[in-house]
Amino acid sequence: MRARQRALDADRGGEARELRGELGRTGVVIRDDGRRQYWRLARSAPRPRPEDATSAEPEVDGR
């Protein structure tokens, strides 16, 4: 969400759309109002899988 807000602030619409898609795949619904973003969890939000981790998330190796 922070990365997407930075993209919106810097007028990088393509990056913001890509991040919106990534958030959507994890069950986060984004609504934009100007340069502000509002979010909610979808009713049937899928549980994130370890293989879906993004570079912004630390990977857990189980140790």
PDB file of N, CA and C in Angstrom:
ATOM      1  N   MET A   1       0.832  -1.177   0.000  1.00  0.00           N
ATOM      2  CA  MET A   1       0.000   0.000   0.000  1.00  0.00           C
ATOM      3  C   MET A   1       0.886   1.253   0.000  1.00  0.00           C
ATOM      4  N   ARG A   2       1.967   1.211   0.759  1.00  0.00           N
ATOM      5  CA  ARG A   2       2.860   2.377   0.771  1.00  0.00           C
ATOM      6  C   ARG A   2       3.520   2.587  -0.581  1.00  0.00           C
ATOM      7  N   ALA A   3       3.958   1.500  -1.187  1.00  0.00           N
ATOM      8  CA  ALA A   3       4.587   1.603  -2.504  1.00  0.00           C
ATOM      9  C   ALA A   3       3.589   2.141  -3.514  1.00  0.00           C
ATOM     10  N   ARG A   4       2.348   1.707  -3.419  1.00  0.00           N
ATOM     11  CA  ARG A   4       1.322   2.191  -4.345  1.00  0.00           C
ATOM     12  C   ARG A   4       1.047   3.671  -4.107  1.00  0.00           C
ATOM     13  N   GLN A   5       1.030   4.104  -2.851  1.00  0.00           N
ATOM     14  CA  GLN A   5       0.809   5.522  -2.552  1.00  0.00           C
ATOM     15  C   GLN A   5       1.949   6.364  -3.106  1.00  0.00           C
ATOM     16  N   ARG A   6       3.182   5.864  -2.974  1.00  0.00           N
ATOM     17  CA  ARG A   6       4.323   6.598  -3.541  1.00  0.00           C
ATOM     18  C   ARG A   6       4.202   6.692  -5.061  1.00  0.00           C
ATOM     19  N   ALA A   7       3.745   5.622  -5.695  1.00  0.00           N
ATOM     20  CA  ALA A   7       3.555   5.643  -7.143  1.00  0.00           C
ATOM     21  C   ALA A   7       2.475   6.654  -7.531  1.00  0.00           C
ATOM     22  N   LEU A   8       1.385   6.698  -6.777  1.00  0.00           N
ATOM     23  CA  LEU A   8       0.333   7.677  -7.051  1.00  0.00           C
ATOM     24  C   LEU A   8       0.858   9.100  -6.885  1.00  0.00           C
ATOM     25  N   ASP A   9       1.614   9.344  -5.821  1.00  0.00           N
ATOM     26  CA  ASP A   9       2.154  10.679  -5.562  1.00  0.00           C
ATOM     27  C   ASP A   9       3.109  11.137  -6.651  1.00  0.00           C
ATOM     28  N   ALA A  10       3.821  10.181  -7.270  1.00  0.00           N
ATOM     29  CA  ALA A  10       4.809  10.503  -8.296  1.00  0.00           C
ATOM     30  C   ALA A  10       4.233  10.390  -9.715  1.00  0.00           C
ATOM     31  N   ASP A  11       2.905  10.277  -9.843  1.00  0.00           N
ATOM     32  CA  ASP A  11       2.244  10.161 -11.148  1.00  0.00           C
ATOM     33  C   ASP A  11       2.762   8.993 -11.971  1.00  0.00           C
ATOM     34  N   ARG A  12       3.025   7.857 -11.296  1.00  0.00           N
ATOM     35  CA  ARG A  12       3.424   6.630 -11.997  1.00  0.00           C
ATOM     36  C   ARG A  12       2.213   5.702 -12.029  1.00  0.00           C
ATOM     37  N   GLY A  13       1.282   6.024 -12.933  1.00  0.00           N
ATOM     38  CA  GLY A  13       0.017   5.307 -13.009  1.00  0.00           C
ATOM     39  C   GLY A  13       0.165   3.832 -13.324  1.00  0.00           C
ATOM     40  N   GLY A  14       1.102   3.492 -14.208  1.00  0.00           N
ATOM     41  CA  GLY A  14       1.294   2.087 -14.565  1.00  0.00           C
ATOM     42  C   GLY A  14       1.722   1.253 -13.380  1.00  0.00           C
ATOM     43  N   GLU A  15       2.634   1.786 -12.596  1.00  0.00           N
ATOM     44  CA  GLU A  15       3.103   1.072 -11.402  1.00  0.00           C
ATOM     45  C   GLU A  15       1.968   0.936 -10.388  1.00  0.00           C
ATOM     46  N   ALA A  16       1.180   2.000 -10.219  1.00  0.00           N
ATOM     47  CA  ALA A  16       0.053   1.954  -9.282  1.00  0.00           C
ATOM     48  C   ALA A  16      -0.966   0.905  -9.718  1.00  0.00           C
ATOM     49  N   ARG A  17      -1.231   0.801 -11.028  1.00  0.00           N
ATOM     50  CA  ARG A  17      -2.170  -0.219 -11.527  1.00  0.00           C
ATOM     51  C   ARG A  17      -1.636  -1.624 -11.287  1.00  0.00           C
ATOM     52  N   GLU A  18      -0.337  -1.802 -11.506  1.00  0.00           N
ATOM     53  CA  GLU A  18       0.267  -3.119 -11.278  1.00  0.00           C
ATOM     54  C   GLU A  18       0.163  -3.517  -9.803  1.00  0.00           C
ATOM     55  N   LEU A  19       0.452  -2.586  -8.916  1.00  0.00           N
ATOM     56  CA  LEU A  19       0.367  -2.871  -7.486  1.00  0.00           C
ATOM     57  C   LEU A  19      -1.078  -3.122  -7.056  1.00  0.00           C
ATOM     58  N   ARG A  20      -2.018  -2.413  -7.678  1.00  0.00           N
ATOM     59  CA  ARG A  20      -3.433  -2.654  -7.383  1.00  0.00           C
ATOM     60  C   ARG A  20      -3.805  -4.091  -7.743  1.00  0.00           C
ATOM     61  N   GLY A  21      -3.306  -4.570  -8.875  1.00  0.00           N
ATOM     62  CA  GLY A  21      -3.567  -5.944  -9.284  1.00  0.00           C
ATOM     63  C   GLY A  21      -2.985  -6.948  -8.314  1.00  0.00           C
ATOM     64  N   GLU A  22      -1.752  -6.698  -7.856  1.00  0.00           N
ATOM     65  CA  GLU A  22      -1.129  -7.599  -6.880  1.00  0.00           C
ATOM     66  C   GLU A  22      -1.928  -7.636  -5.586  1.00  0.00           C
ATOM     67  N   LEU A  23      -2.367  -6.476  -5.126  1.00  0.00           N
ATOM     68  CA  LEU A  23      -3.172  -6.432  -3.904  1.00  0.00           C
ATOM     69  C   LEU A  23      -4.497  -7.153  -4.112  1.00  0.00           C
ATOM     70  N   GLY A  24      -5.090  -6.991  -5.274  1.00  0.00           N
ATOM     71  CA  GLY A  24      -6.353  -7.655  -5.570  1.00  0.00           C
ATOM     72  C   GLY A  24      -6.236  -9.167  -5.526  1.00  0.00           C
ATOM     73  N   ARG A  25      -5.106  -9.685  -6.006  1.00  0.00           N
ATOM     74  CA  ARG A  25      -4.915 -11.142  -5.986  1.00  0.00           C
ATOM     75  C   ARG A  25      -4.806 -11.678  -4.562  1.00  0.00           C
ATOM     76  N   THR A  26      -4.458 -10.839  -3.612  1.00  0.00           N
ATOM     77  CA  THR A  26      -4.385 -11.284  -2.218  1.00  0.00           C
ATOM     78  C   THR A  26      -5.667 -10.977  -1.452  1.00  0.00           C
ATOM     79  N   GLY A  27      -6.692 -10.411  -2.150  1.00  0.00           N
ATOM     80  CA  GLY A  27      -7.975 -10.169  -1.509  1.00  0.00           C
ATOM     81  C   GLY A  27      -8.167  -8.771  -0.973  1.00  0.00           C
ATOM     82  N   VAL A  28      -7.296  -7.825  -1.339  1.00  0.00           N
ATOM     83  CA  VAL A  28      -7.431  -6.444  -0.899  1.00  0.00           C
ATOM     84  C   VAL A  28      -8.051  -5.638  -2.036  1.00  0.00           C
ATOM     85  N   VAL A  29      -9.194  -5.004  -1.770  1.00  0.00           N
ATOM     86  CA  VAL A  29      -9.884  -4.196  -2.762  1.00  0.00           C
ATOM     87  C   VAL A  29      -9.510  -2.738  -2.520  1.00  0.00           C
ATOM     88  N   ILE A  30      -9.073  -2.059  -3.575  1.00  0.00           N
ATOM     89  CA  ILE A  30      -8.632  -0.662  -3.480  1.00  0.00           C
ATOM     90  C   ILE A  30      -9.653   0.238  -4.159  1.00  0.00           C
ATOM     91  N   ARG A  31      -9.966   1.359  -3.519  1.00  0.00           N
ATOM     92  CA  ARG A  31     -10.791   2.401  -4.136  1.00  0.00           C
ATOM     93  C   ARG A  31      -9.993   3.689  -4.072  1.00  0.00           C
ATOM     94  N   ASP A  32      -9.853   4.345  -5.206  1.00  0.00           N
ATOM     95  CA  ASP A  32      -9.115   5.602  -5.266  1.00  0.00           C
ATOM     96  C   ASP A  32     -10.077   6.775  -5.227  1.00  0.00           C
ATOM     97  N   ASP A  33      -9.660   7.837  -4.543  1.00  0.00           N
ATOM     98  CA  ASP A  33     -10.404   9.095  -4.501  1.00  0.00           C
ATOM     99  C   ASP A  33      -9.367  10.193  -4.666  1.00  0.00           C
ATOM    100  N   GLY A  34      -9.181  10.625  -5.907  1.00  0.00           N
ATOM    101  CA  GLY A  34      -8.108  11.571  -6.186  1.00  0.00           C
ATOM    102  C   GLY A  34      -6.775  10.878  -5.990  1.00  0.00           C
ATOM    103  N   ARG A  35      -5.952  11.424  -5.122  1.00  0.00           N
ATOM    104  CA  ARG A  35      -4.655  10.808  -4.837  1.00  0.00           C
ATOM    105  C   ARG A  35      -4.670   9.983  -3.557  1.00  0.00           C
ATOM    106  N   ARG A  36      -5.843   9.788  -2.981  1.00  0.00           N
ATOM    107  CA  ARG A  36      -5.966   8.968  -1.774  1.00  0.00           C
ATOM    108  C   ARG A  36      -6.481   7.604  -2.150  1.00  0.00           C
ATOM    109  N   GLN A  37      -6.091   6.601  -1.382  1.00  0.00           N
ATOM    110  CA  GLN A  37      -6.560   5.247  -1.626  1.00  0.00           C
ATOM    111  C   GLN A  37      -7.215   4.709  -0.362  1.00  0.00           C
ATOM    112  N   TYR A  38      -8.300   3.996  -0.557  1.00  0.00           N
ATOM    113  CA  TYR A  38      -9.029   3.359   0.529  1.00  0.00           C
ATOM    114  C   TYR A  38      -9.044   1.867   0.235  1.00  0.00           C
ATOM    115  N   TRP A  39      -8.974   1.052   1.261  1.00  0.00           N
ATOM    116  CA  TRP A  39      -8.902  -0.384   1.041  1.00  0.00           C
ATOM    117  C   TRP A  39      -9.864  -1.113   1.966  1.00  0.00           C
ATOM    118  N   ARG A  40     -10.184  -2.333   1.545  1.00  0.00           N
ATOM    119  CA  ARG A  40     -10.969  -3.253   2.366  1.00  0.00           C
ATOM    120  C   ARG A  40     -10.596  -4.656   1.932  1.00  0.00           C
ATOM    121  N   LEU A  41     -10.857  -5.607   2.799  1.00  0.00           N
ATOM    122  CA  LEU A  41     -10.629  -7.003   2.454  1.00  0.00           C
ATOM    123  C   LEU A  41     -11.866  -7.549   1.769  1.00  0.00           C
ATOM    124  N   ALA A  42     -11.656  -8.310   0.725  1.00  0.00           N
ATOM    125  CA  ALA A  42     -12.770  -8.964   0.038  1.00  0.00           C
ATOM    126  C   ALA A  42     -13.358 -10.021   0.960  1.00  0.00           C
ATOM    127  N   ARG A  43     -14.607 -10.318   0.797  1.00  0.00           N
ATOM    128  CA  ARG A  43     -15.270 -11.297   1.662  1.00  0.00           C
ATOM    129  C   ARG A  43     -14.597 -12.651   1.619  1.00  0.00           C
ATOM    130  N   SER A  44     -14.211 -13.077   0.445  1.00  0.00           N
ATOM    131  CA  SER A  44     -13.580 -14.395   0.320  1.00  0.00           C
ATOM    132  C   SER A  44     -12.106 -14.238  -0.027  1.00  0.00           C
ATOM    133  N   ALA A  45     -11.407 -13.458   0.770  1.00  0.00           N
ATOM    134  CA  ALA A  45      -9.991 -13.198   0.509  1.00  0.00           C
ATOM    135  C   ALA A  45      -9.198 -14.494   0.628  1.00  0.00           C
ATOM    136  N   PRO A  46      -8.412 -14.819  -0.399  1.00  0.00           N
ATOM    137  CA  PRO A  46      -7.602 -16.036  -0.318  1.00  0.00           C
ATOM    138  C   PRO A  46      -6.460 -15.854   0.667  1.00  0.00           C
ATOM    139  N   ARG A  47      -6.067 -16.932   1.297  1.00  0.00           N
ATOM    140  CA  ARG A  47      -4.911 -16.878   2.195  1.00  0.00           C
ATOM    141  C   ARG A  47      -3.657 -16.804   1.350  1.00  0.00           C
ATOM    142  N   PRO A  48      -2.734 -15.896   1.653  1.00  0.00           N
ATOM    143  CA  PRO A  48      -1.499 -15.820   0.871  1.00  0.00           C
ATOM    144  C   PRO A  48      -0.666 -17.085   1.005  1.00  0.00           C
ATOM    145  N   ARG A  49      -0.080 -17.502  -0.096  1.00  0.00           N
ATOM    146  CA  ARG A  49       0.784 -18.685  -0.104  1.00  0.00           C
ATOM    147  C   ARG A  49       2.233 -18.216  -0.069  1.00  0.00           C
ATOM    148  N   PRO A  50       3.140 -18.982   0.525  1.00  0.00           N
ATOM    149  CA  PRO A  50       4.550 -18.576   0.596  1.00  0.00           C
ATOM    150  C   PRO A  50       5.148 -18.294  -0.778  1.00  0.00           C
ATOM    151  N   GLU A  51       4.725 -19.036  -1.796  1.00  0.00           N
ATOM    152  CA  GLU A  51       5.294 -18.818  -3.123  1.00  0.00           C
ATOM    153  C   GLU A  51       4.787 -17.523  -3.766  1.00  0.00           C
ATOM    154  N   ASP A  52       3.775 -16.882  -3.172  1.00  0.00           N
ATOM    155  CA  ASP A  52       3.247 -15.623  -3.683  1.00  0.00           C
ATOM    156  C   ASP A  52       3.893 -14.409  -3.028  1.00  0.00           C
ATOM    157  N   ALA A  53       4.900 -14.615  -2.190  1.00  0.00           N
ATOM    158  CA  ALA A  53       5.548 -13.498  -1.496  1.00  0.00           C
ATOM    159  C   ALA A  53       6.149 -12.533  -2.507  1.00  0.00           C
ATOM    160  N   THR A  54       6.000 -11.241  -2.232  1.00  0.00           N
ATOM    161  CA  THR A  54       6.593 -10.220  -3.093  1.00  0.00           C
ATOM    162  C   THR A  54       7.944  -9.820  -2.525  1.00  0.00           C
ATOM    163  N   SER A  55       8.678  -9.042  -3.266  1.00  0.00           N
ATOM    164  CA  SER A  55      10.004  -8.619  -2.806  1.00  0.00           C
ATOM    165  C   SER A  55       9.915  -7.741  -1.567  1.00  0.00           C
ATOM    166  N   ALA A  56       8.739  -7.152  -1.297  1.00  0.00           N
ATOM    167  CA  ALA A  56       8.577  -6.298  -0.128  1.00  0.00           C
ATOM    168  C   ALA A  56       8.328  -7.093   1.142  1.00  0.00           C
ATOM    169  N   GLU A  57       8.063  -8.379   0.994  1.00  0.00           N
ATOM    170  CA  GLU A  57       7.779  -9.216   2.144  1.00  0.00           C
ATOM    171  C   GLU A  57       8.995 -10.082   2.474  1.00  0.00           C
ATOM    172  N   PRO A  58       9.357 -10.166   3.740  1.00  0.00           N
ATOM    173  CA  PRO A  58      10.463 -11.071   4.090  1.00  0.00           C
ATOM    174  C   PRO A  58      10.028 -12.517   3.910  1.00  0.00           C
ATOM    175  N   GLU A  59      10.926 -13.333   3.443  1.00  0.00           N
ATOM    176  CA  GLU A  59      10.608 -14.748   3.283  1.00  0.00           C
ATOM    177  C   GLU A  59      10.915 -15.473   4.581  1.00  0.00           C
ATOM    178  N   VAL A  60      10.066 -16.396   4.941  1.00  0.00           N
ATOM    179  CA  VAL A  60      10.246 -17.184   6.147  1.00  0.00           C
ATOM    180  C   VAL A  60      10.738 -18.561   5.723  1.00  0.00           C
ATOM    181  N   ASP A  61      11.874 -18.970   6.292  1.00  0.00           N
ATOM    182  CA  ASP A  61      12.436 -20.260   5.875  1.00  0.00           C
ATOM    183  C   ASP A  61      12.128 -21.379   6.867  1.00  0.00           C
ATOM    184  N   GLY A  62      11.348 -21.102   7.901  1.00  0.00           N
ATOM    185  CA  GLY A  62      10.923 -22.140   8.821  1.00  0.00           C
ATOM    186  C   GLY A  62      11.937 -22.478   9.904  1.00  0.00           C
ATOM    187  N   ARG A  63      13.017 -21.750   9.987  1.00  0.00           N
ATOM    188  CA  ARG A  63      13.994 -22.019  11.051  1.00  0.00           C
ATOM    189  C   ARG A  63      13.681 -21.262  12.298  1.00  0.00           C
TER     190      ARG A  63
END
